[in-house]
Amino acid sequence: MMPTLYLNFFIGLLVSFLGTLPLGVLNITIMDVSLKKGINAALRFALACALVEFVYSYISVQLTRSIIDFPALKPITEVFATMTLLAMGIYYIQKQNSLTKTKQKTVSSFYLGTLLSILNVVAFPFWILYTTLLQGKGLVGISGQGLIVIYVLGISLGTIAGLLPFIYGSRFLTRLVAVHQHRMDRMIGSLFLFLSACQFISLWI
């Protein structure tokens, strides 16, 4: 089955949503923004993050197309994907609690979101990795500009969707994360290890 525009959009949104949930600078900062400046300011922060993610993911998809154009590189990218997932799993399992409030100067929430998202260059390997995997499984199509734009649009909206729980649940989540962050990190790490194992098995099937 050939990937459709709808499937591209949904898969992009879903993966982006799930990828935004693990605790990092962006979602911890947006909780702080929501508490200190209000929901509207936090929504502007989320919009800035989504716009930068749109650009970063578009560039990543174009790089992925270049990789796919050279079939000899596929085994290398498959192994790289397995090792990356394994490394991410180990990182989250061993990660120490690091819930700290971001020191915010008198800058707009939109500018803050833009700046922090631009500095989040890990988005490039993340989307190259997952786009390669998803394209290889036939879940995402990147053969045409229409498919790419819809996929990247889904990614951008998925970023906003993933940040919304941290905006509206900031008071509850701040207390919850402070107590259970390490347990959450272990769960996320275990998921990455599971995905790494599945990817490793797929190399031999």
Protein backbone atom coordinates (compact mmCIF):
# COMPACT_ATOMS: atom_id res chain seq x y z
CA MET A 1 0.00 0.00 0.00
CA MET A 2 1.31 3.40 -1.01
CA PRO A 3 1.36 6.01 1.75
CA THR A 4 -1.38 8.63 1.35
CA LEU A 5 -1.54 12.29 2.31
CA TYR A 6 -3.78 11.41 5.26
CA LEU A 7 -1.43 8.68 6.48
CA ASN A 8 1.58 10.96 6.11
CA PHE A 9 -0.16 13.64 8.17
CA PHE A 10 -1.32 11.24 10.88
CA ILE A 11 2.03 9.44 11.23
CA GLY A 12 3.93 12.74 11.34
CA LEU A 13 1.56 14.11 13.98
CA LEU A 14 1.67 10.91 16.09
CA VAL A 15 5.45 10.51 16.10
CA SER A 16 5.97 14.22 16.80
CA PHE A 17 3.41 14.13 19.63
CA LEU A 18 5.09 11.13 21.27
CA GLY A 19 8.55 12.60 20.67
CA THR A 20 7.57 15.81 22.48
CA LEU A 21 6.41 14.04 25.65
CA PRO A 22 9.83 13.00 27.09
CA LEU A 23 11.04 15.66 29.51
CA GLY A 24 13.50 18.14 28.07
CA VAL A 25 14.26 21.84 27.94
CA LEU A 26 11.18 22.75 25.88
CA ASN A 27 8.44 21.07 27.88
CA ILE A 28 9.98 21.98 31.24
CA THR A 29 10.33 25.61 30.12
CA ILE A 30 6.79 25.77 28.80
CA MET A 31 5.46 24.62 32.18
CA ASP A 32 7.39 27.48 33.78
CA VAL A 33 6.07 29.95 31.19
CA SER A 34 2.51 28.75 31.76
CA LEU A 35 2.82 29.18 35.53
CA LYS A 36 4.54 32.59 35.43
CA LYS A 37 3.05 34.30 32.36
CA GLY A 38 -0.20 32.47 31.70
CA ILE A 39 -1.65 30.12 29.10
CA ASN A 40 -1.64 32.62 26.21
CA ALA A 41 2.10 33.21 26.62
CA ALA A 42 2.69 29.45 26.75
CA LEU A 43 0.67 28.98 23.55
CA ARG A 44 2.86 31.57 21.79
CA PHE A 45 5.89 29.61 23.02
CA ALA A 46 4.39 26.40 21.58
CA LEU A 47 3.66 28.10 18.24
CA ALA A 48 7.29 29.22 17.98
CA CYS A 49 8.47 25.67 18.71
CA ALA A 50 6.16 24.29 16.02
CA LEU A 51 7.38 26.75 13.37
CA VAL A 52 11.03 25.90 14.01
CA GLU A 53 10.15 22.19 14.04
CA PHE A 54 8.50 22.62 10.64
CA VAL A 55 11.72 24.01 9.17
CA TYR A 56 14.00 21.49 10.90
CA SER A 57 11.88 18.48 9.96
CA TYR A 58 11.57 19.66 6.33
CA ILE A 59 15.37 19.90 6.03
CA SER A 60 15.70 16.49 7.72
CA VAL A 61 13.27 14.88 5.26
CA GLN A 62 15.20 16.30 2.32
CA LEU A 63 18.40 14.83 3.79
CA THR A 64 16.59 11.52 4.22
CA ARG A 65 15.62 11.53 0.54
CA SER A 66 19.29 11.93 -0.35
CA ILE A 67 20.16 8.92 1.81
CA ILE A 68 17.38 6.81 0.27
CA ASP A 69 18.63 7.64 -3.24
CA PHE A 70 21.69 5.55 -2.42
CA PRO A 71 20.40 2.02 -1.63
CA ALA A 72 23.87 0.88 -0.56
CA LEU A 73 23.52 3.14 2.48
CA LYS A 74 20.34 1.42 3.71
CA PRO A 75 22.07 -1.27 5.83
CA ILE A 76 24.22 1.44 7.41
CA THR A 77 21.21 3.61 8.25
CA GLU A 78 19.36 0.57 9.68
CA VAL A 79 22.29 -0.21 11.97
CA PHE A 80 22.63 3.45 12.89
CA ALA A 81 18.92 3.57 13.78
CA THR A 82 19.28 0.50 16.01
CA MET A 83 22.29 1.94 17.84
CA THR A 84 20.62 5.35 18.22
CA LEU A 85 17.50 3.84 19.77
CA LEU A 86 19.69 1.75 22.08
CA ALA A 87 21.70 4.80 23.13
CA MET A 88 18.53 6.80 23.81
CA GLY A 89 17.15 3.96 25.92
CA ILE A 90 20.32 3.75 28.01
CA TYR A 91 20.41 7.54 28.36
CA TYR A 92 16.88 7.79 29.74
CA ILE A 93 17.29 4.84 32.11
CA GLN A 94 20.48 6.29 33.58
CA LYS A 95 19.32 9.93 33.46
CA GLN A 96 19.42 11.77 36.77
CA ASN A 97 16.58 14.00 37.97
CA SER A 98 17.09 17.45 36.50
CA LEU A 99 13.89 19.41 36.96
CA THR A 100 15.12 22.97 37.15
CA LYS A 101 13.25 26.16 36.45
CA THR A 102 14.57 28.08 33.50
CA LYS A 103 15.76 31.58 34.32
CA GLN A 104 13.73 33.85 32.09
CA LYS A 105 14.67 37.40 31.28
CA THR A 106 12.14 39.91 30.03
CA VAL A 107 11.84 38.42 26.55
CA SER A 108 8.67 37.46 24.72
CA SER A 109 7.48 33.89 25.00
CA PHE A 110 7.50 33.56 21.20
CA TYR A 111 11.14 34.65 21.02
CA LEU A 112 12.08 32.33 23.88
CA GLY A 113 10.40 29.39 22.18
CA THR A 114 12.10 30.20 18.88
CA LEU A 115 15.52 30.49 20.45
CA LEU A 116 15.30 27.28 22.49
CA SER A 117 13.91 25.35 19.51
CA ILE A 118 16.71 26.56 17.22
CA LEU A 119 19.23 25.37 19.80
CA ASN A 120 17.50 21.97 19.86
CA VAL A 121 19.56 20.62 16.93
CA VAL A 122 18.90 17.03 18.06
CA ALA A 123 15.75 17.38 15.93
CA PHE A 124 17.84 16.73 12.81
CA PRO A 125 19.08 13.21 13.68
CA PHE A 126 15.72 12.44 15.31
CA TRP A 127 13.71 13.10 12.15
CA ILE A 128 16.29 11.59 9.81
CA LEU A 129 16.20 8.44 11.94
CA TYR A 130 12.43 8.13 12.18
CA THR A 131 11.68 9.20 8.62
CA THR A 132 14.13 6.59 7.34
CA LEU A 133 12.49 3.90 9.50
CA LEU A 134 8.93 4.90 8.64
CA GLN A 135 9.67 5.21 4.93
CA GLY A 136 11.37 1.82 4.98
CA LYS A 137 8.27 0.24 6.57
CA GLY A 138 6.01 1.86 3.97
CA LEU A 139 4.19 4.04 6.52
CA VAL A 140 5.40 7.37 5.15
CA GLY A 141 5.93 8.54 1.58
CA ILE A 142 8.45 11.25 0.73
CA SER A 143 8.58 10.83 -3.03
CA GLY A 144 6.78 14.10 -3.79
CA GLN A 145 6.66 17.61 -2.39
CA GLY A 146 2.97 17.28 -1.51
CA LEU A 147 3.61 14.20 0.64
CA ILE A 148 6.57 15.89 2.32
CA VAL A 149 4.73 19.11 3.14
CA ILE A 150 1.75 17.24 4.61
CA TYR A 151 4.09 15.00 6.64
CA VAL A 152 6.03 18.00 7.96
CA LEU A 153 2.77 19.85 8.71
CA GLY A 154 1.68 16.87 10.80
CA ILE A 155 5.01 16.99 12.62
CA SER A 156 4.58 20.69 13.35
CA LEU A 157 1.04 20.27 14.71
CA GLY A 158 2.15 17.21 16.67
CA THR A 159 4.68 19.42 18.45
CA ILE A 160 1.91 21.75 19.59
CA ALA A 161 -0.27 18.79 20.62
CA GLY A 162 2.60 17.33 22.63
CA LEU A 163 3.18 20.61 24.46
CA LEU A 164 -0.49 21.25 25.31
CA PRO A 165 -0.59 18.83 28.29
CA PHE A 166 2.39 20.66 29.79
CA ILE A 167 0.64 24.01 29.29
CA TYR A 168 -2.76 23.17 30.73
CA GLY A 169 -1.47 20.73 33.35
CA SER A 170 1.54 22.76 34.43
CA ARG A 171 0.58 23.07 38.11
CA PHE A 172 -0.16 19.36 38.48
CA LEU A 173 2.68 18.14 36.25
CA THR A 174 5.34 20.26 37.95
CA ARG A 175 4.64 18.52 41.27
CA LEU A 176 4.26 15.11 39.62
CA VAL A 177 7.50 15.39 37.64
CA ALA A 178 9.44 16.53 40.71
CA VAL A 179 8.46 13.30 42.48
CA HIS A 180 8.31 10.76 39.65
CA GLN A 181 10.70 12.06 36.99
CA HIS A 182 13.17 9.17 37.30
CA ARG A 183 10.36 6.61 37.03
CA MET A 184 9.07 8.34 33.90
CA ASP A 185 12.58 8.40 32.42
CA ARG A 186 12.88 4.66 33.05
CA MET A 187 9.60 4.00 31.27
CA ILE A 188 10.70 6.08 28.28
CA GLY A 189 14.11 4.38 28.29
CA SER A 190 12.48 0.93 28.36
CA LEU A 191 10.34 1.92 25.36
CA PHE A 192 13.43 2.98 23.39
CA LEU A 193 15.17 -0.30 24.30
CA PHE A 194 12.10 -2.21 23.08
CA LEU A 195 12.12 -0.29 19.79
CA SER A 196 15.84 -0.95 19.45
CA ALA A 197 15.26 -4.69 19.93
CA CYS A 198 12.47 -4.66 17.32
CA GLN A 199 14.70 -2.80 14.88
CA PHE A 200 17.57 -5.26 15.52
CA ILE A 201 15.27 -8.21 14.83
CA SER A 202 14.05 -6.56 11.61
CA LEU A 203 17.64 -6.47 10.35
CA TRP A 204 17.63 -10.26 10.14
CA ILE A 205 14.11 -10.79 8.78
